[in-house]
Amino acid sequence: MSRYRPVAHLNGRFVPASDCRLAVYDLGIVLGAAVTDFLRTFNGRPYRVRDHVERLYRSARYAYIEPPVSLERSIEITHELIEHNIAATPGAELGVVYYLTAGINEIYAGSAGTSEPSTPTYVQHTFPLPFHLWKPMFLDGAHCVTPATRHWPPECLSSKIKHRNRLHMWIGEQQAHLADPEAVPLYLDLHGNITETGGSNFVIYSGGRVVSPRSNNVLRGISLTALVELLEEMDIPFVEDDIHIYDAVNADEAWLPTTPYCLGPVTKINGCPVGNGAPGALWRRVIDRWSEKVGKNIYREITES
């Protein structure tokens, strides 16, 4: 591995990050037959790496994709990759992306194409986390907009896996940005219940408790799990229930649990203020408690970027 430039791990070997490429006939591109995961570092160390990699392997099992390396070796690769790339980008915190596809089918031609069994494509790569992008959210809060596009129903594709079939989210993002170019699209299910965004869970604080959409309807993120643990320590009840837009705009606070910035405040939904329209006091308490757990001031990391 080069000492001075970032590398990635592709199909069993470390390569310069600029050389980490997939073939145009990889089934991850052709069919979206791919599962993924994503973690971040704190002080150069991967946060909850085993939780993320175990979820990746559960997703792969559901998708009939056999990882070409063991779970334990995946964790080892992550540590090796971070150690090298932190040295190549001193002072940065890294995001680590896992990408696992069904492999290459060079003769793909829709249902008319047949192929021999393929070897899955396995990728890990990193990038420096761009904290400045989330500074406006931490200072003023996010504006969530519900697009016309609805979320995948779990009857069609399990909500429990992290996958790359996200065309509906791309379309929904474009629709949300017609209302507000900075909006975060918040997807409803077929019955009008709130589910999640394209990169985070969604919860509200109302009536002295934190409420999350039901777990059968969302990907339960690792950050949501971490949030539940913190709430338990703080003696704040956590429940799952159906959440409508009515409930969200009448809540005291609303939050976005997610890997890059842990927990973002939502201060507006479809143009309607949540609470007093500013990041809430409980949100800040939770972020400060989270900071104690990871040994780094998350609020300062974002707002002073």
C-alpha atoms as a PDB file:
ATOM      1  CA  MET A   1       0.000   0.000   0.000  1.00  0.00           C
ATOM      2  CA  SER A   2       1.198   3.487  -0.858  1.00  0.00           C
ATOM      3  CA  ARG A   3       2.153   5.449   2.231  1.00  0.00           C
ATOM      4  CA  TYR A   4       0.901   8.802   1.034  1.00  0.00           C
ATOM      5  CA  ARG A   5      -2.293   8.267  -0.914  1.00  0.00           C
ATOM      6  CA  PRO A   6      -5.666   6.733   0.049  1.00  0.00           C
ATOM      7  CA  VAL A   7      -6.356   3.139  -0.872  1.00  0.00           C
ATOM      8  CA  ALA A   8      -9.461   0.969  -1.167  1.00  0.00           C
ATOM      9  CA  HIS A   9     -10.010  -2.760  -0.868  1.00  0.00           C
ATOM     10  CA  LEU A  10     -11.371  -4.426  -4.002  1.00  0.00           C
ATOM     11  CA  ASN A  11     -11.847  -8.171  -4.418  1.00  0.00           C
ATOM     12  CA  GLY A  12      -9.136  -9.307  -2.052  1.00  0.00           C
ATOM     13  CA  ARG A  13      -6.463  -6.669  -2.493  1.00  0.00           C
ATOM     14  CA  PHE A  14      -5.682  -3.084  -1.600  1.00  0.00           C
ATOM     15  CA  VAL A  15      -5.563  -0.735  -4.599  1.00  0.00           C
ATOM     16  CA  PRO A  16      -5.179   3.034  -5.016  1.00  0.00           C
ATOM     17  CA  ALA A  17      -8.581   4.559  -4.313  1.00  0.00           C
ATOM     18  CA  SER A  18      -8.603   6.074  -7.795  1.00  0.00           C
ATOM     19  CA  ASP A  19      -8.370   2.549  -9.261  1.00  0.00           C
ATOM     20  CA  CYS A  20     -11.333   1.148  -7.316  1.00  0.00           C
ATOM     21  CA  ARG A  21     -13.846   0.691 -10.139  1.00  0.00           C
ATOM     22  CA  LEU A  22     -16.694  -1.679 -11.001  1.00  0.00           C
ATOM     23  CA  ALA A  23     -17.286  -3.124 -14.439  1.00  0.00           C
ATOM     24  CA  VAL A  24     -20.288  -1.700 -16.288  1.00  0.00           C
ATOM     25  CA  TYR A  25     -21.732  -5.228 -16.406  1.00  0.00           C
ATOM     26  CA  ASP A  26     -21.433  -5.808 -12.672  1.00  0.00           C
ATOM     27  CA  LEU A  27     -24.849  -6.855 -11.400  1.00  0.00           C
ATOM     28  CA  GLY A  28     -24.670  -4.158  -8.753  1.00  0.00           C
ATOM     29  CA  ILE A  29     -24.926  -1.670 -11.622  1.00  0.00           C
ATOM     30  CA  VAL A  30     -27.083  -3.649 -14.054  1.00  0.00           C
ATOM     31  CA  LEU A  31     -29.684  -4.867 -11.551  1.00  0.00           C
ATOM     32  CA  GLY A  32     -28.937  -2.980  -8.365  1.00  0.00           C
ATOM     33  CA  ALA A  33     -28.149  -6.413  -6.926  1.00  0.00           C
ATOM     34  CA  ALA A  34     -26.017  -5.026  -4.132  1.00  0.00           C
ATOM     35  CA  VAL A  35     -26.016  -4.601  -0.370  1.00  0.00           C
ATOM     36  CA  THR A  36     -24.061  -1.991   1.499  1.00  0.00           C
ATOM     37  CA  ASP A  37     -23.215  -0.488   4.854  1.00  0.00           C
ATOM     38  CA  PHE A  38     -21.506   2.588   6.183  1.00  0.00           C
ATOM     39  CA  LEU A  39     -19.707   3.564   9.388  1.00  0.00           C
ATOM     40  CA  ARG A  40     -17.625   6.480  10.600  1.00  0.00           C
ATOM     41  CA  THR A  41     -14.570   6.968  12.752  1.00  0.00           C
ATOM     42  CA  PHE A  42     -14.216   8.892  15.985  1.00  0.00           C
ATOM     43  CA  ASN A  43     -10.645   9.936  16.747  1.00  0.00           C
ATOM     44  CA  GLY A  44      -9.532   7.645  13.931  1.00  0.00           C
ATOM     45  CA  ARG A  45     -11.277   4.543  15.307  1.00  0.00           C
ATOM     46  CA  PRO A  46     -14.272   2.827  13.692  1.00  0.00           C
ATOM     47  CA  TYR A  47     -17.504   3.309  15.619  1.00  0.00           C
ATOM     48  CA  ARG A  48     -19.532   0.132  16.274  1.00  0.00           C
ATOM     49  CA  VAL A  49     -17.772  -1.685  13.461  1.00  0.00           C
ATOM     50  CA  ARG A  50     -19.069  -5.126  14.425  1.00  0.00           C
ATOM     51  CA  ASP A  51     -22.674  -3.904  14.423  1.00  0.00           C
ATOM     52  CA  HIS A  52     -22.262  -2.538  10.903  1.00  0.00           C
ATOM     53  CA  VAL A  53     -20.458  -5.548   9.459  1.00  0.00           C
ATOM     54  CA  GLU A  54     -22.886  -8.016  11.019  1.00  0.00           C
ATOM     55  CA  ARG A  55     -25.762  -6.091   9.436  1.00  0.00           C
ATOM     56  CA  LEU A  56     -23.958  -6.199   6.075  1.00  0.00           C
ATOM     57  CA  TYR A  57     -23.696  -9.973   6.317  1.00  0.00           C
ATOM     58  CA  ARG A  58     -27.351 -10.344   7.303  1.00  0.00           C
ATOM     59  CA  SER A  59     -28.309  -8.211   4.302  1.00  0.00           C
ATOM     60  CA  ALA A  60     -26.124 -10.358   2.040  1.00  0.00           C
ATOM     61  CA  ARG A  61     -27.760 -13.569   3.272  1.00  0.00           C
ATOM     62  CA  TYR A  62     -31.218 -12.168   2.534  1.00  0.00           C
ATOM     63  CA  ALA A  63     -30.067 -11.075  -0.953  1.00  0.00           C
ATOM     64  CA  TYR A  64     -28.535 -14.502  -1.803  1.00  0.00           C
ATOM     65  CA  ILE A  65     -25.069 -12.953  -2.056  1.00  0.00           C
ATOM     66  CA  GLU A  66     -22.259 -14.959  -0.456  1.00  0.00           C
ATOM     67  CA  PRO A  67     -19.474 -12.683   0.840  1.00  0.00           C
ATOM     68  CA  PRO A  68     -16.089 -13.854  -0.500  1.00  0.00           C
ATOM     69  CA  VAL A  69     -14.387 -13.114   2.838  1.00  0.00           C
ATOM     70  CA  SER A  70     -15.353 -13.944   6.393  1.00  0.00           C
ATOM     71  CA  LEU A  71     -17.007 -11.485   8.718  1.00  0.00           C
ATOM     72  CA  GLU A  72     -13.919 -11.381  10.902  1.00  0.00           C
ATOM     73  CA  ARG A  73     -11.671 -10.701   7.919  1.00  0.00           C
ATOM     74  CA  SER A  74     -13.990  -7.857   6.878  1.00  0.00           C
ATOM     75  CA  ILE A  75     -13.451  -6.229  10.249  1.00  0.00           C
ATOM     76  CA  GLU A  76      -9.687  -6.691   9.929  1.00  0.00           C
ATOM     77  CA  ILE A  77      -9.744  -5.052   6.485  1.00  0.00           C
ATOM     78  CA  THR A  78     -11.646  -2.105   7.942  1.00  0.00           C
ATOM     79  CA  HIS A  79      -8.998  -1.526  10.604  1.00  0.00           C
ATOM     80  CA  GLU A  80      -6.183  -1.837   8.048  1.00  0.00           C
ATOM     81  CA  LEU A  81      -7.910   0.523   5.634  1.00  0.00           C
ATOM     82  CA  ILE A  82      -8.566   3.149   8.290  1.00  0.00           C
ATOM     83  CA  GLU A  83      -5.038   2.952   9.667  1.00  0.00           C
ATOM     84  CA  HIS A  84      -3.589   3.631   6.230  1.00  0.00           C
ATOM     85  CA  ASN A  85      -6.070   6.270   5.063  1.00  0.00           C
ATOM     86  CA  ILE A  86      -6.013   8.238   8.308  1.00  0.00           C
ATOM     87  CA  ALA A  87      -2.257   8.547   7.807  1.00  0.00           C
ATOM     88  CA  ALA A  88      -2.861   9.650   4.212  1.00  0.00           C
ATOM     89  CA  THR A  89      -5.412  12.291   5.301  1.00  0.00           C
ATOM     90  CA  PRO A  90      -4.159  13.504   8.703  1.00  0.00           C
ATOM     91  CA  GLY A  91      -6.697  15.232  10.922  1.00  0.00           C
ATOM     92  CA  ALA A  92      -9.711  13.828   9.085  1.00  0.00           C
ATOM     93  CA  GLU A  93     -12.431  11.548  10.328  1.00  0.00           C
ATOM     94  CA  LEU A  94     -13.376   8.926   7.769  1.00  0.00           C
ATOM     95  CA  GLY A  95     -16.548   7.395   6.459  1.00  0.00           C
ATOM     96  CA  VAL A  96     -16.109   3.714   5.543  1.00  0.00           C
ATOM     97  CA  VAL A  97     -18.327   2.267   2.809  1.00  0.00           C
ATOM     98  CA  TYR A  98     -18.956  -1.451   2.321  1.00  0.00           C
ATOM     99  CA  TYR A  99     -20.295  -2.556  -1.059  1.00  0.00           C
ATOM    100  CA  LEU A 100     -21.093  -6.164  -1.954  1.00  0.00           C
ATOM    101  CA  THR A 101     -22.674  -7.104  -5.295  1.00  0.00           C
ATOM    102  CA  ALA A 102     -23.836 -10.314  -6.947  1.00  0.00           C
ATOM    103  CA  GLY A 103     -20.789 -10.158  -9.256  1.00  0.00           C
ATOM    104  CA  ILE A 104     -20.207  -9.841 -12.973  1.00  0.00           C
ATOM    105  CA  ASN A 105     -22.475 -11.083 -15.769  1.00  0.00           C
ATOM    106  CA  GLU A 106     -20.785 -10.224 -19.048  1.00  0.00           C
ATOM    107  CA  ILE A 107     -23.660 -11.492 -21.223  1.00  0.00           C
ATOM    108  CA  TYR A 108     -26.534  -9.891 -19.356  1.00  0.00           C
ATOM    109  CA  ALA A 109     -29.517  -9.489 -21.680  1.00  0.00           C
ATOM    110  CA  GLY A 110     -32.535  -9.301 -19.411  1.00  0.00           C
ATOM    111  CA  SER A 111     -34.419 -12.556 -18.889  1.00  0.00           C
ATOM    112  CA  ALA A 112     -32.953 -13.851 -22.169  1.00  0.00           C
ATOM    113  CA  GLY A 113     -29.449 -13.789 -20.728  1.00  0.00           C
ATOM    114  CA  THR A 114     -28.017 -16.684 -18.779  1.00  0.00           C
ATOM    115  CA  SER A 115     -24.741 -16.906 -16.980  1.00  0.00           C
ATOM    116  CA  GLU A 116     -22.553 -19.229 -15.019  1.00  0.00           C
ATOM    117  CA  PRO A 117     -22.313 -18.679 -11.259  1.00  0.00           C
ATOM    118  CA  SER A 118     -20.478 -15.452 -10.536  1.00  0.00           C
ATOM    119  CA  THR A 119     -18.123 -14.420  -7.764  1.00  0.00           C
ATOM    120  CA  PRO A 120     -19.531 -11.541  -5.713  1.00  0.00           C
ATOM    121  CA  THR A 121     -17.756  -8.201  -5.950  1.00  0.00           C
ATOM    122  CA  TYR A 122     -16.469  -6.989  -2.580  1.00  0.00           C
ATOM    123  CA  VAL A 123     -15.447  -3.387  -1.885  1.00  0.00           C
ATOM    124  CA  GLN A 124     -14.422  -1.275   1.087  1.00  0.00           C
ATOM    125  CA  HIS A 125     -13.444   2.347   0.594  1.00  0.00           C
ATOM    126  CA  THR A 126     -13.244   5.534   2.660  1.00  0.00           C
ATOM    127  CA  PHE A 127     -13.664   9.272   2.310  1.00  0.00           C
ATOM    128  CA  PRO A 128     -13.061  12.226   4.656  1.00  0.00           C
ATOM    129  CA  LEU A 129     -16.307  13.259   6.355  1.00  0.00           C
ATOM    130  CA  PRO A 130     -17.414  16.726   5.121  1.00  0.00           C
ATOM    131  CA  PHE A 131     -18.674  18.147   8.425  1.00  0.00           C
ATOM    132  CA  HIS A 132     -19.214  21.608   6.962  1.00  0.00           C
ATOM    133  CA  LEU A 133     -22.164  20.243   4.974  1.00  0.00           C
ATOM    134  CA  TRP A 134     -24.108  19.577   8.185  1.00  0.00           C
ATOM    135  CA  LYS A 135     -23.254  22.815   9.982  1.00  0.00           C
ATOM    136  CA  PRO A 136     -26.462  24.624   8.849  1.00  0.00           C
ATOM    137  CA  MET A 137     -28.529  21.706  10.152  1.00  0.00           C
ATOM    138  CA  PHE A 138     -26.939  21.797  13.610  1.00  0.00           C
ATOM    139  CA  LEU A 139     -27.336  25.573  13.837  1.00  0.00           C
ATOM    140  CA  ASP A 140     -30.810  26.005  12.315  1.00  0.00           C
ATOM    141  CA  GLY A 141     -32.279  22.521  11.919  1.00  0.00           C
ATOM    142  CA  ALA A 142     -33.330  20.470   8.903  1.00  0.00           C
ATOM    143  CA  HIS A 143     -36.397  21.040   6.760  1.00  0.00           C
ATOM    144  CA  CYS A 144     -38.016  17.703   5.914  1.00  0.00           C
ATOM    145  CA  VAL A 145     -40.321  17.543   2.901  1.00  0.00           C
ATOM    146  CA  THR A 146     -42.513  14.557   2.019  1.00  0.00           C
ATOM    147  CA  PRO A 147     -42.283  13.826  -1.741  1.00  0.00           C
ATOM    148  CA  ALA A 148     -45.012  12.196  -3.808  1.00  0.00           C
ATOM    149  CA  THR A 149     -42.856   9.088  -4.211  1.00  0.00           C
ATOM    150  CA  ARG A 150     -43.628   6.515  -1.517  1.00  0.00           C
ATOM    151  CA  HIS A 151     -41.230   4.247   0.330  1.00  0.00           C
ATOM    152  CA  TRP A 152     -40.637   0.631  -0.684  1.00  0.00           C
ATOM    153  CA  PRO A 153     -43.341  -1.479   1.014  1.00  0.00           C
ATOM    154  CA  PRO A 154     -41.838  -4.269   3.153  1.00  0.00           C
ATOM    155  CA  GLU A 155     -44.124  -6.720   1.334  1.00  0.00           C
ATOM    156  CA  CYS A 156     -41.893  -6.191  -1.739  1.00  0.00           C
ATOM    157  CA  LEU A 157     -38.431  -5.811  -0.214  1.00  0.00           C
ATOM    158  CA  SER A 158     -37.496  -6.196   3.439  1.00  0.00           C
ATOM    159  CA  SER A 159     -36.914  -2.914   5.244  1.00  0.00           C
ATOM    160  CA  LYS A 160     -34.344  -4.637   7.451  1.00  0.00           C
ATOM    161  CA  ILE A 161     -31.598  -4.759   4.810  1.00  0.00           C
ATOM    162  CA  LYS A 162     -29.382  -1.935   3.584  1.00  0.00           C
ATOM    163  CA  HIS A 163     -29.366  -2.185  -0.196  1.00  0.00           C
ATOM    164  CA  ARG A 164     -28.760  -0.116  -3.304  1.00  0.00           C
ATOM    165  CA  ASN A 165     -32.217  -0.229  -4.923  1.00  0.00           C
ATOM    166  CA  ARG A 166     -32.762   3.484  -4.374  1.00  0.00           C
ATOM    167  CA  LEU A 167     -34.109   4.955  -7.592  1.00  0.00           C
ATOM    168  CA  HIS A 168     -37.316   5.851  -5.755  1.00  0.00           C
ATOM    169  CA  MET A 169     -35.245   7.850  -3.260  1.00  0.00           C
ATOM    170  CA  TRP A 170     -33.405   9.673  -6.038  1.00  0.00           C
ATOM    171  CA  ILE A 171     -36.743  10.635  -7.609  1.00  0.00           C
ATOM    172  CA  GLY A 172     -38.161  11.627  -4.222  1.00  0.00           C
ATOM    173  CA  GLU A 173     -35.145  13.826  -3.530  1.00  0.00           C
ATOM    174  CA  GLN A 174     -35.653  15.718  -6.788  1.00  0.00           C
ATOM    175  CA  GLN A 175     -39.316  16.209  -5.920  1.00  0.00           C
ATOM    176  CA  ALA A 176     -38.507  17.480  -2.411  1.00  0.00           C
ATOM    177  CA  HIS A 177     -35.944  19.908  -3.797  1.00  0.00           C
ATOM    178  CA  LEU A 178     -38.636  21.529  -5.941  1.00  0.00           C
ATOM    179  CA  ALA A 179     -40.119  22.783  -2.663  1.00  0.00           C
ATOM    180  CA  ASP A 180     -36.798  23.600  -1.007  1.00  0.00           C
ATOM    181  CA  PRO A 181     -33.356  22.994  -2.561  1.00  0.00           C
ATOM    182  CA  GLU A 182     -31.987  22.236   0.922  1.00  0.00           C
ATOM    183  CA  ALA A 183     -34.839  19.943   1.976  1.00  0.00           C
ATOM    184  CA  VAL A 184     -34.315  16.442   3.353  1.00  0.00           C
ATOM    185  CA  PRO A 185     -36.854  14.100   1.697  1.00  0.00           C
ATOM    186  CA  LEU A 186     -38.928  12.223   4.281  1.00  0.00           C
ATOM    187  CA  TYR A 187     -40.769   9.254   2.807  1.00  0.00           C
ATOM    188  CA  LEU A 188     -44.289   8.118   3.630  1.00  0.00           C
ATOM    189  CA  ASP A 189     -45.492   4.554   3.257  1.00  0.00           C
ATOM    190  CA  LEU A 190     -48.519   3.554   1.184  1.00  0.00           C
ATOM    191  CA  HIS A 191     -50.803   4.360   4.146  1.00  0.00           C
ATOM    192  CA  GLY A 192     -49.406   7.822   4.831  1.00  0.00           C
ATOM    193  CA  ASN A 193     -47.213   6.853   7.783  1.00  0.00           C
ATOM    194  CA  ILE A 194     -43.758   8.439   8.106  1.00  0.00           C
ATOM    195  CA  THR A 195     -40.910   5.977   7.462  1.00  0.00           C
ATOM    196  CA  GLU A 196     -37.373   7.399   7.041  1.00  0.00           C
ATOM    197  CA  THR A 197     -35.181   9.594   4.868  1.00  0.00           C
ATOM    198  CA  GLY A 198     -32.689   8.406   2.279  1.00  0.00           C
ATOM    199  CA  GLY A 199     -29.863   8.385   4.821  1.00  0.00           C
ATOM    200  CA  SER A 200     -31.344   8.452   8.309  1.00  0.00           C
ATOM    201  CA  ASN A 201     -34.095   7.292  10.585  1.00  0.00           C
ATOM    202  CA  PHE A 202     -36.703   9.743  11.858  1.00  0.00           C
ATOM    203  CA  VAL A 203     -38.056  10.070  15.401  1.00  0.00           C
ATOM    204  CA  ILE A 204     -40.135  12.582  17.324  1.00  0.00           C
ATOM    205  CA  TYR A 205     -40.118  13.662  20.967  1.00  0.00           C
ATOM    206  CA  SER A 206     -43.682  14.132  22.144  1.00  0.00           C
ATOM    207  CA  GLY A 207     -45.520  13.672  25.411  1.00  0.00           C
ATOM    208  CA  GLY A 208     -42.335  12.932  27.311  1.00  0.00           C
ATOM    209  CA  ARG A 209     -41.272  10.034  25.091  1.00  0.00           C
ATOM    210  CA  VAL A 210     -39.363   9.448  21.868  1.00  0.00           C
ATOM    211  CA  VAL A 211     -41.406   7.765  19.139  1.00  0.00           C
ATOM    212  CA  SER A 212     -40.011   5.901  16.131  1.00  0.00           C
ATOM    213  CA  PRO A 213     -41.891   4.446  13.150  1.00  0.00           C
ATOM    214  CA  ARG A 214     -42.560   0.742  13.505  1.00  0.00           C
ATOM    215  CA  SER A 215     -39.474  -1.385  12.807  1.00  0.00           C
ATOM    216  CA  ASN A 216     -41.138  -3.441  10.058  1.00  0.00           C
ATOM    217  CA  ASN A 217     -41.388  -0.232   8.007  1.00  0.00           C
ATOM    218  CA  VAL A 218     -37.817   1.115   8.299  1.00  0.00           C
ATOM    219  CA  LEU A 219     -34.190   0.077   8.314  1.00  0.00           C
ATOM    220  CA  ARG A 220     -33.339   0.249  11.997  1.00  0.00           C
ATOM    221  CA  GLY A 221     -30.053   2.100  11.841  1.00  0.00           C
ATOM    222  CA  ILE A 222     -27.089   1.505  14.111  1.00  0.00           C
ATOM    223  CA  SER A 223     -27.395   5.148  15.171  1.00  0.00           C
ATOM    224  CA  LEU A 224     -31.034   4.572  16.120  1.00  0.00           C
ATOM    225  CA  THR A 225     -29.908   1.638  18.255  1.00  0.00           C
ATOM    226  CA  ALA A 226     -27.261   3.861  19.885  1.00  0.00           C
ATOM    227  CA  LEU A 227     -29.929   6.535  20.496  1.00  0.00           C
ATOM    228  CA  VAL A 228     -32.214   4.024  22.220  1.00  0.00           C
ATOM    229  CA  GLU A 229     -29.355   3.023  24.525  1.00  0.00           C
ATOM    230  CA  LEU A 230     -28.700   6.668  25.432  1.00  0.00           C
ATOM    231  CA  LEU A 231     -32.392   7.346  26.063  1.00  0.00           C
ATOM    232  CA  GLU A 232     -32.548   4.383  28.413  1.00  0.00           C
ATOM    233  CA  GLU A 233     -29.624   5.803  30.390  1.00  0.00           C
ATOM    234  CA  MET A 234     -31.427   9.167  30.517  1.00  0.00           C
ATOM    235  CA  ASP A 235     -34.722   7.570  31.662  1.00  0.00           C
ATOM    236  CA  ILE A 236     -36.560   8.788  28.573  1.00  0.00           C
ATOM    237  CA  PRO A 237     -39.140   6.289  27.244  1.00  0.00           C
ATOM    238  CA  PHE A 238     -38.780   5.029  23.676  1.00  0.00           C
ATOM    239  CA  VAL A 239     -41.643   3.445  21.744  1.00  0.00           C
ATOM    240  CA  GLU A 240     -42.498   2.409  18.203  1.00  0.00           C
ATOM    241  CA  ASP A 241     -45.774   3.532  16.665  1.00  0.00           C
ATOM    242  CA  ASP A 242     -47.294   4.875  13.471  1.00  0.00           C
ATOM    243  CA  ILE A 243     -46.348   8.529  12.986  1.00  0.00           C
ATOM    244  CA  HIS A 244     -48.352  10.828  10.723  1.00  0.00           C
ATOM    245  CA  ILE A 245     -47.355  14.293   9.559  1.00  0.00           C
ATOM    246  CA  TYR A 246     -49.925  15.636  12.043  1.00  0.00           C
ATOM    247  CA  ASP A 247     -48.027  13.962  14.888  1.00  0.00           C
ATOM    248  CA  ALA A 248     -44.664  15.219  13.695  1.00  0.00           C
ATOM    249  CA  VAL A 249     -45.574  18.889  13.279  1.00  0.00           C
ATOM    250  CA  ASN A 250     -47.239  18.851  16.703  1.00  0.00           C
ATOM    251  CA  ALA A 251     -44.264  17.202  18.430  1.00  0.00           C
ATOM    252  CA  ASP A 252     -41.930  19.034  20.788  1.00  0.00           C
ATOM    253  CA  GLU A 253     -38.882  17.996  18.749  1.00  0.00           C
ATOM    254  CA  ALA A 254     -37.978  15.793  15.781  1.00  0.00           C
ATOM    255  CA  TRP A 255     -34.590  14.206  15.048  1.00  0.00           C
ATOM    256  CA  LEU A 256     -32.645  12.367  12.350  1.00  0.00           C
ATOM    257  CA  PRO A 257     -30.439   9.556  13.749  1.00  0.00           C
ATOM    258  CA  THR A 258     -27.710   8.765  11.224  1.00  0.00           C
ATOM    259  CA  THR A 259     -24.086   7.654  11.028  1.00  0.00           C
ATOM    260  CA  PRO A 260     -22.196  10.783   9.821  1.00  0.00           C
ATOM    261  CA  TYR A 261     -23.440  13.295  12.429  1.00  0.00           C
ATOM    262  CA  CYS A 262     -25.205  10.927  14.877  1.00  0.00           C
ATOM    263  CA  LEU A 263     -28.361  12.986  15.493  1.00  0.00           C
ATOM    264  CA  GLY A 264     -29.652  15.981  13.554  1.00  0.00           C
ATOM    265  CA  PRO A 265     -32.486  18.294  14.634  1.00  0.00           C
ATOM    266  CA  VAL A 266     -35.553  18.745  12.405  1.00  0.00           C
ATOM    267  CA  THR A 267     -37.145  22.165  12.822  1.00  0.00           C
ATOM    268  CA  LYS A 268     -39.579  22.231   9.912  1.00  0.00           C
ATOM    269  CA  ILE A 269     -41.731  19.686   8.045  1.00  0.00           C
ATOM    270  CA  ASN A 270     -43.416  20.661   4.777  1.00  0.00           C
ATOM    271  CA  GLY A 271     -42.892  24.301   5.740  1.00  0.00           C
ATOM    272  CA  CYS A 272     -44.516  23.925   9.173  1.00  0.00           C
ATOM    273  CA  PRO A 273     -42.304  24.593  12.228  1.00  0.00           C
ATOM    274  CA  VAL A 274     -41.695  21.765  14.697  1.00  0.00           C
ATOM    275  CA  GLY A 275     -41.803  22.963  18.310  1.00  0.00           C
ATOM    276  CA  ASN A 276     -40.489  26.527  18.435  1.00  0.00           C
ATOM    277  CA  GLY A 277     -38.788  26.154  15.056  1.00  0.00           C
ATOM    278  CA  ALA A 278     -35.262  25.874  16.505  1.00  0.00           C
ATOM    279  CA  PRO A 279     -33.046  22.928  17.499  1.00  0.00           C
ATOM    280  CA  GLY A 280     -34.460  21.613  20.770  1.00  0.00           C
ATOM    281  CA  ALA A 281     -33.004  21.465  24.257  1.00  0.00           C
ATOM    282  CA  LEU A 282     -33.381  17.692  24.563  1.00  0.00           C
ATOM    283  CA  TRP A 283     -31.634  17.170  21.225  1.00  0.00           C
ATOM    284  CA  ARG A 284     -28.659  19.097  22.554  1.00  0.00           C
ATOM    285  CA  ARG A 285     -28.632  17.086  25.774  1.00  0.00           C
ATOM    286  CA  VAL A 286     -28.607  13.839  23.808  1.00  0.00           C
ATOM    287  CA  ILE A 287     -25.819  15.037  21.502  1.00  0.00           C
ATOM    288  CA  ASP A 288     -23.732  16.018  24.515  1.00  0.00           C
ATOM    289  CA  ARG A 289     -24.339  12.599  26.084  1.00  0.00           C
ATOM    290  CA  TRP A 290     -23.379  10.933  22.794  1.00  0.00           C
ATOM    291  CA  SER A 291     -20.189  12.994  22.749  1.00  0.00           C
ATOM    292  CA  GLU A 292     -19.226  11.630  26.153  1.00  0.00           C
ATOM    293  CA  LYS A 293     -19.638   8.095  24.816  1.00  0.00           C
ATOM    294  CA  VAL A 294     -17.391   8.583  21.787  1.00  0.00           C
ATOM    295  CA  GLY A 295     -14.815  10.847  23.412  1.00  0.00           C
ATOM    296  CA  LYS A 296     -15.352  13.742  21.026  1.00  0.00           C
ATOM    297  CA  ASN A 297     -17.521  16.873  21.054  1.00  0.00           C
ATOM    298  CA  ILE A 298     -19.912  16.139  18.181  1.00  0.00           C
ATOM    299  CA  TYR A 299     -21.615  19.558  18.303  1.00  0.00           C
ATOM    300  CA  ARG A 300     -18.288  21.378  18.081  1.00  0.00           C
ATOM    301  CA  GLU A 301     -17.041  18.992  15.381  1.00  0.00           C
ATOM    302  CA  ILE A 302     -19.936  20.057  13.153  1.00  0.00           C
ATOM    303  CA  THR A 303     -20.457  23.699  14.072  1.00  0.00           C
ATOM    304  CA  GLU A 304     -16.779  24.664  14.021  1.00  0.00           C
ATOM    305  CA  SER A 305     -16.037  22.953  10.720  1.00  0.00           C
END
